[in-house]
């Protein structure tokens, strides 16, 4: 069988070749983002593997289906960039990726600590030999209440990581995680919003929770609240975040993913003129730490993502159990 691998990064190449050799699969590997312009590369392929920069919409799915593609894998946990329902309708099966939660969970706690200790401002000062302390007094985690929204694998691991800091932890999810319940108190969303000093998001992006962080929910939060998002950018309304920073309702932001990041992250734009004003305006505040969607980016996670991307297609094509297959009902 043959798979076209789009958006391949250099760090994936060895794992891609290893998977191809183990499963006797032919790979066509490109760093191009999937689009109608390069859809002809999928002609004669059984499967397409992608990351998350391109939108796999109805028009592109139709082209893939006519080209003989029957399987799509995204080497990401999130899959909102694929029209799952339409793919299912035209007979294309889809799977996503999974990887250990430790990397993102560790990164999340790092973001919390950097926000608490004014890391960005301290770093900027140090680069110009300003070693003053004015405005850099931080807070200690043990004195704070941390609210975790979403207690699946990653949210649950964040709670486990935080358990050693001595902070009070609140949790919200539609389903309780028994392990998390031993360390955090499950509460209503309103109570989590009103009582937490730090709020961290760990839920998948669905139409039902798009912009769950908005003007109304921010108004319910404590003055000076710290918001952390290492999940999906569209969970938070960019305009509301900017307003919250400007009026100082939000004390700090630590965001690894943000609304409107497509076309910006994972690329070198030093000589480019980019038009996303909100993204760059938010980026420049002294109390906003924005990283390039890299919380997932560890050696272990990359290996797991590639394995899921290639093996998932292989399993679906050979009618083997595929634990990461996504259906319209799941999405």
Protein backbone atom coordinates (compact mmCIF):
# COMPACT_ATOMS: atom_id res chain seq x y z
CA UNK A 1 0.00 0.00 0.00
CA UNK A 2 1.02 3.63 -0.49
CA UNK A 3 0.61 6.63 1.81
CA UNK A 4 1.25 10.29 1.06
CA UNK A 5 2.67 12.03 4.14
CA UNK A 6 2.08 15.78 4.17
CA UNK A 7 3.64 18.36 6.53
CA UNK A 8 6.54 16.06 7.35
CA UNK A 9 9.12 17.63 9.64
CA UNK A 10 12.80 16.57 9.55
CA UNK A 11 12.49 15.13 13.05
CA UNK A 12 9.83 12.70 11.79
CA UNK A 13 11.80 11.24 8.89
CA UNK A 14 13.60 8.43 10.70
CA UNK A 15 10.44 7.27 12.45
CA UNK A 16 8.53 7.44 9.17
CA UNK A 17 11.10 5.30 7.39
CA UNK A 18 11.19 2.84 10.30
CA UNK A 19 7.40 2.43 10.21
CA UNK A 20 7.41 2.01 6.43
CA UNK A 21 10.05 -0.72 6.63
CA UNK A 22 8.28 -2.58 9.43
CA UNK A 23 4.89 -2.56 7.66
CA UNK A 24 6.15 -2.84 4.06
CA UNK A 25 4.46 0.44 3.08
CA UNK A 26 5.53 2.86 0.35
CA UNK A 27 5.64 6.46 1.53
CA UNK A 28 5.62 9.69 -0.48
CA UNK A 29 6.93 12.28 1.97
CA UNK A 30 6.58 16.05 1.56
CA UNK A 31 6.71 19.09 3.82
CA UNK A 32 3.84 20.72 1.89
CA UNK A 33 0.60 21.59 3.69
CA UNK A 34 -2.30 19.63 2.15
CA UNK A 35 -4.39 21.73 -0.24
CA UNK A 36 -6.22 21.53 -3.53
CA UNK A 37 -3.05 22.76 -5.25
CA UNK A 38 -1.07 19.68 -4.23
CA UNK A 39 -3.93 17.18 -3.97
CA UNK A 40 -2.75 15.42 -7.14
CA UNK A 41 0.07 13.91 -5.09
CA UNK A 42 -2.54 11.69 -3.43
CA UNK A 43 -3.48 10.04 -6.74
CA UNK A 44 -3.00 6.30 -6.41
CA UNK A 45 -2.46 6.46 -2.65
CA UNK A 46 -4.48 4.38 -0.21
CA UNK A 47 -3.99 6.85 2.63
CA UNK A 48 -3.12 10.44 3.47
CA UNK A 49 -1.31 11.43 6.67
CA UNK A 50 -1.28 15.05 7.82
CA UNK A 51 -0.56 17.34 10.74
CA UNK A 52 -2.82 20.26 11.60
CA UNK A 53 -2.00 23.25 9.41
CA UNK A 54 -4.29 22.43 6.50
CA UNK A 55 -8.09 22.27 6.47
CA UNK A 56 -9.39 18.96 5.15
CA UNK A 57 -12.78 20.20 4.02
CA UNK A 58 -15.46 18.73 1.76
CA UNK A 59 -13.87 19.91 -1.47
CA UNK A 60 -10.49 18.41 -0.64
CA UNK A 61 -12.07 15.21 0.68
CA UNK A 62 -13.94 14.79 -2.60
CA UNK A 63 -10.67 15.08 -4.53
CA UNK A 64 -8.98 12.55 -2.26
CA UNK A 65 -11.89 10.14 -2.57
CA UNK A 66 -11.81 10.34 -6.38
CA UNK A 67 -8.02 9.78 -6.25
CA UNK A 68 -8.52 6.46 -4.48
CA UNK A 69 -7.82 7.58 -0.92
CA UNK A 70 -9.81 5.62 1.64
CA UNK A 71 -7.95 6.46 4.85
CA UNK A 72 -6.71 9.68 6.49
CA UNK A 73 -4.61 9.98 9.62
CA UNK A 74 -3.75 13.14 11.46
CA UNK A 75 -0.53 12.90 13.46
CA UNK A 76 -2.13 15.10 16.11
CA UNK A 77 -4.53 14.49 18.97
CA UNK A 78 -6.87 17.22 17.79
CA UNK A 79 -8.84 16.53 14.63
CA UNK A 80 -11.08 19.58 14.23
CA UNK A 81 -9.22 20.46 11.01
CA UNK A 82 -10.93 17.50 9.28
CA UNK A 83 -14.61 17.35 8.32
CA UNK A 84 -15.12 13.98 10.01
CA UNK A 85 -18.82 13.67 9.23
CA UNK A 86 -18.35 14.28 5.51
CA UNK A 87 -15.34 11.94 5.34
CA UNK A 88 -17.49 9.21 6.87
CA UNK A 89 -20.31 9.98 4.44
CA UNK A 90 -18.10 9.42 1.38
CA UNK A 91 -16.40 6.34 2.78
CA UNK A 92 -13.12 7.73 4.06
CA UNK A 93 -12.06 6.49 7.49
CA UNK A 94 -10.08 8.78 9.77
CA UNK A 95 -7.82 8.28 12.77
CA UNK A 96 -5.90 10.64 15.01
CA UNK A 97 -2.82 10.20 17.21
CA UNK A 98 -2.18 9.57 20.85
CA UNK A 99 0.97 9.95 22.90
CA UNK A 100 1.93 9.92 26.58
CA UNK A 101 0.54 12.96 28.42
CA UNK A 102 3.74 13.77 30.29
CA UNK A 103 5.26 16.22 27.82
CA UNK A 104 2.23 18.52 27.60
CA UNK A 105 1.55 18.19 31.33
CA UNK A 106 5.14 19.14 32.19
CA UNK A 107 4.99 22.09 29.79
CA UNK A 108 1.72 23.25 31.36
CA UNK A 109 3.23 23.39 34.84
CA UNK A 110 6.26 25.19 33.42
CA UNK A 111 3.91 27.81 31.92
CA UNK A 112 2.21 28.29 35.29
CA UNK A 113 5.55 28.83 37.02
CA UNK A 114 6.82 31.23 34.35
CA UNK A 115 3.67 33.32 34.67
CA UNK A 116 3.85 33.32 38.46
CA UNK A 117 7.50 34.40 38.45
CA UNK A 118 7.28 37.01 35.64
CA UNK A 119 9.69 35.01 33.47
CA UNK A 120 9.19 37.02 30.29
CA UNK A 121 9.94 40.37 31.88
CA UNK A 122 12.94 38.99 33.78
CA UNK A 123 14.37 37.48 30.59
CA UNK A 124 13.95 40.69 28.62
CA UNK A 125 15.65 42.73 31.34
CA UNK A 126 18.55 40.33 31.61
CA UNK A 127 19.24 40.61 27.88
CA UNK A 128 19.95 44.34 28.28
CA UNK A 129 21.83 43.98 31.58
CA UNK A 130 18.93 45.23 33.69
CA UNK A 131 19.02 43.07 36.81
CA UNK A 132 16.57 45.09 38.92
CA UNK A 133 13.79 43.42 40.89
CA UNK A 134 11.08 46.06 40.68
CA UNK A 135 7.85 44.50 39.45
CA UNK A 136 9.17 40.94 39.50
CA UNK A 137 7.86 39.77 42.87
CA UNK A 138 6.09 36.47 42.28
CA UNK A 139 3.68 34.20 44.11
CA UNK A 140 4.08 30.66 45.40
CA UNK A 141 2.02 27.78 44.10
CA UNK A 142 1.29 26.47 47.60
CA UNK A 143 -0.74 29.59 48.36
CA UNK A 144 -2.98 29.33 45.30
CA UNK A 145 -6.01 27.52 43.95
CA UNK A 146 -5.52 25.92 40.54
CA UNK A 147 -8.52 25.01 38.39
CA UNK A 148 -8.16 22.28 35.76
CA UNK A 149 -10.82 22.18 33.04
CA UNK A 150 -10.74 18.73 31.48
CA UNK A 151 -9.32 15.80 33.44
CA UNK A 152 -8.55 13.25 30.74
CA UNK A 153 -5.04 11.91 30.25
CA UNK A 154 -3.28 15.28 30.05
CA UNK A 155 -5.43 17.13 32.59
CA UNK A 156 -5.11 14.19 34.95
CA UNK A 157 -1.33 14.21 34.59
CA UNK A 158 -1.23 17.97 35.26
CA UNK A 159 -3.11 17.33 38.51
CA UNK A 160 -0.62 14.60 39.38
CA UNK A 161 2.30 16.93 38.65
CA UNK A 162 0.79 19.72 40.75
CA UNK A 163 0.15 17.45 43.72
CA UNK A 164 3.71 17.97 44.90
CA UNK A 165 3.37 21.76 45.06
CA UNK A 166 0.81 21.80 47.87
CA UNK A 167 -1.71 23.94 46.02
CA UNK A 168 -5.47 23.55 46.32
CA UNK A 169 -6.87 22.01 43.15
CA UNK A 170 -10.33 22.22 41.62
CA UNK A 171 -11.46 20.20 38.62
CA UNK A 172 -14.27 20.29 36.10
CA UNK A 173 -15.24 17.65 33.56
CA UNK A 174 -18.39 15.93 32.35
CA UNK A 175 -16.95 12.68 33.65
CA UNK A 176 -14.85 12.32 36.77
CA UNK A 177 -11.40 10.75 36.56
CA UNK A 178 -11.08 8.53 39.67
CA UNK A 179 -7.33 9.18 39.92
CA UNK A 180 -7.82 12.95 39.64
CA UNK A 181 -10.64 12.86 42.20
CA UNK A 182 -8.17 11.68 44.83
CA UNK A 183 -6.14 14.86 44.44
CA UNK A 184 -8.58 17.53 43.23
CA UNK A 185 -12.12 18.54 44.16
CA UNK A 186 -14.64 18.29 41.33
CA UNK A 187 -16.83 21.40 41.24
CA UNK A 188 -19.18 23.22 38.88
CA UNK A 189 -17.69 25.33 36.12
CA UNK A 190 -18.90 28.54 37.76
CA UNK A 191 -17.26 27.66 41.05
CA UNK A 192 -13.99 26.79 39.32
CA UNK A 193 -14.03 30.09 37.46
CA UNK A 194 -14.76 32.19 40.54
CA UNK A 195 -12.37 30.47 43.00
CA UNK A 196 -9.26 29.70 40.91
CA UNK A 197 -6.11 31.81 40.85
CA UNK A 198 -4.83 29.80 37.87
CA UNK A 199 -7.06 28.16 35.26
CA UNK A 200 -5.70 25.62 32.77
CA UNK A 201 -7.55 24.17 29.77
CA UNK A 202 -7.27 20.50 28.80
CA UNK A 203 -10.27 19.67 26.63
CA UNK A 204 -10.60 18.83 22.91
CA UNK A 205 -12.05 21.49 20.65
CA UNK A 206 -15.70 20.87 19.82
CA UNK A 207 -18.38 23.18 18.47
CA UNK A 208 -19.96 23.06 21.93
CA UNK A 209 -16.91 24.52 23.67
CA UNK A 210 -15.47 26.86 21.05
CA UNK A 211 -14.75 30.18 22.82
CA UNK A 212 -15.55 28.67 26.21
CA UNK A 213 -13.21 31.36 27.52
CA UNK A 214 -15.01 34.55 26.53
CA UNK A 215 -16.00 37.93 27.95
CA UNK A 216 -18.70 36.41 30.14
CA UNK A 217 -16.57 33.65 31.64
CA UNK A 218 -13.63 36.01 32.16
CA UNK A 219 -15.90 38.40 34.11
CA UNK A 220 -16.60 35.57 36.57
CA UNK A 221 -12.90 35.01 37.26
CA UNK A 222 -10.77 36.50 40.02
CA UNK A 223 -9.04 39.78 39.29
CA UNK A 224 -5.49 38.96 38.20
CA UNK A 225 -6.31 35.40 37.17
CA UNK A 226 -3.66 33.44 35.26
CA UNK A 227 -4.92 31.55 32.21
CA UNK A 228 -3.02 28.64 30.67
CA UNK A 229 -3.89 27.05 27.33
CA UNK A 230 -1.81 24.15 26.07
CA UNK A 231 -4.81 22.53 24.41
CA UNK A 232 -6.55 24.15 21.41
CA UNK A 233 -6.41 27.83 20.53
CA UNK A 234 -10.06 28.27 19.60
CA UNK A 235 -11.15 27.39 23.13
CA UNK A 236 -10.46 31.04 23.97
CA UNK A 237 -11.81 34.11 22.19
CA UNK A 238 -8.78 36.17 21.14
CA UNK A 239 -10.64 39.49 21.42
CA UNK A 240 -11.75 38.63 24.96
CA UNK A 241 -8.20 37.71 25.97
CA UNK A 242 -6.88 41.02 24.67
CA UNK A 243 -9.54 42.96 26.56
CA UNK A 244 -8.80 40.97 29.71
CA UNK A 245 -5.11 41.81 29.52
CA UNK A 246 -5.76 45.47 28.72
CA UNK A 247 -8.13 46.01 31.65
CA UNK A 248 -5.89 43.86 33.93
CA UNK A 249 -8.66 41.38 34.74
CA UNK A 250 -6.21 38.77 33.46
CA UNK A 251 -2.95 38.92 35.36
CA UNK A 252 -1.00 36.74 32.95
CA UNK A 253 -1.44 34.41 30.00
CA UNK A 254 0.59 31.31 29.25
CA UNK A 255 -0.58 30.02 25.89
CA UNK A 256 1.06 27.47 23.65
CA UNK A 257 -1.81 27.57 21.19
CA UNK A 258 -4.04 30.44 20.18
CA UNK A 259 -6.84 31.37 17.84
CA UNK A 260 -5.52 32.41 14.45
CA UNK A 261 -2.17 30.64 14.74
CA UNK A 262 -2.56 28.85 11.40
CA UNK A 263 0.09 30.01 8.96
CA UNK A 264 2.21 31.46 11.77
CA UNK A 265 3.41 28.63 13.99
CA UNK A 266 6.14 26.17 13.04
CA UNK A 267 7.54 28.51 10.37
CA UNK A 268 10.31 31.12 10.23
CA UNK A 269 8.67 34.48 9.43
CA UNK A 270 11.56 36.82 10.27
CA UNK A 271 11.48 38.43 6.83
CA UNK A 272 7.74 38.18 6.25
CA UNK A 273 4.96 40.73 6.65
CA UNK A 274 2.14 39.01 8.52
CA UNK A 275 -1.35 40.46 8.78
CA UNK A 276 -2.74 38.79 11.91
CA UNK A 277 -2.88 41.93 14.06
CA UNK A 278 -4.58 40.40 17.08
CA UNK A 279 -2.07 37.56 17.35
CA UNK A 280 0.93 39.88 17.33
CA UNK A 281 -0.73 42.51 19.52
CA UNK A 282 -1.39 39.91 22.22
CA UNK A 283 2.11 38.52 21.78
CA UNK A 284 3.79 41.81 22.71
CA UNK A 285 2.37 42.26 26.23
CA UNK A 286 4.89 41.87 29.04
CA UNK A 287 2.66 39.41 30.92
CA UNK A 288 1.76 37.20 27.96
CA UNK A 289 3.91 34.17 27.18
CA UNK A 290 3.11 32.68 23.77
CA UNK A 291 5.04 29.68 22.52
CA UNK A 292 4.89 28.11 19.08
CA UNK A 293 2.53 25.19 19.72
CA UNK A 294 5.35 23.08 21.10
CA UNK A 295 4.03 21.62 24.35
CA UNK A 296 3.69 18.24 22.63
CA UNK A 297 7.17 18.39 21.11
CA UNK A 298 9.29 15.71 22.75
CA UNK A 299 11.17 12.75 21.29
CA UNK A 300 8.69 10.32 22.81
CA UNK A 301 5.63 12.18 21.53
CA UNK A 302 6.97 12.52 17.98
CA UNK A 303 7.68 8.78 17.78
CA UNK A 304 4.17 7.98 19.00
CA UNK A 305 2.56 10.47 16.60
CA UNK A 306 4.34 9.00 13.58
CA UNK A 307 3.51 5.46 14.66
CA UNK A 308 -0.16 6.36 15.01
CA UNK A 309 -0.15 8.17 11.68
CA UNK A 310 1.22 5.24 9.69
CA UNK A 311 0.02 2.27 11.71
CA UNK A 312 -3.47 3.75 12.04
CA UNK A 313 -3.89 3.74 8.26
CA UNK A 314 -2.38 0.26 8.04
CA UNK A 315 -4.77 -1.07 10.70
CA UNK A 316 -7.86 0.45 9.11
CA UNK A 317 -6.87 -0.81 5.65
CA UNK A 318 -6.35 -4.35 6.95
CA UNK A 319 -9.50 -4.40 9.11
CA UNK A 320 -7.45 -4.54 12.30
CA UNK A 321 -8.57 -2.80 15.50
CA UNK A 322 -7.55 0.87 15.34
CA UNK A 323 -7.83 2.41 18.79
CA UNK A 324 -7.47 5.94 17.46
CA UNK A 325 -10.13 5.81 14.73
CA UNK A 326 -12.42 8.83 14.81
CA UNK A 327 -16.08 8.64 13.83
CA UNK A 328 -18.72 11.34 13.43
CA UNK A 329 -20.26 10.26 16.72
CA UNK A 330 -16.97 10.69 18.55
CA UNK A 331 -16.24 14.04 17.00
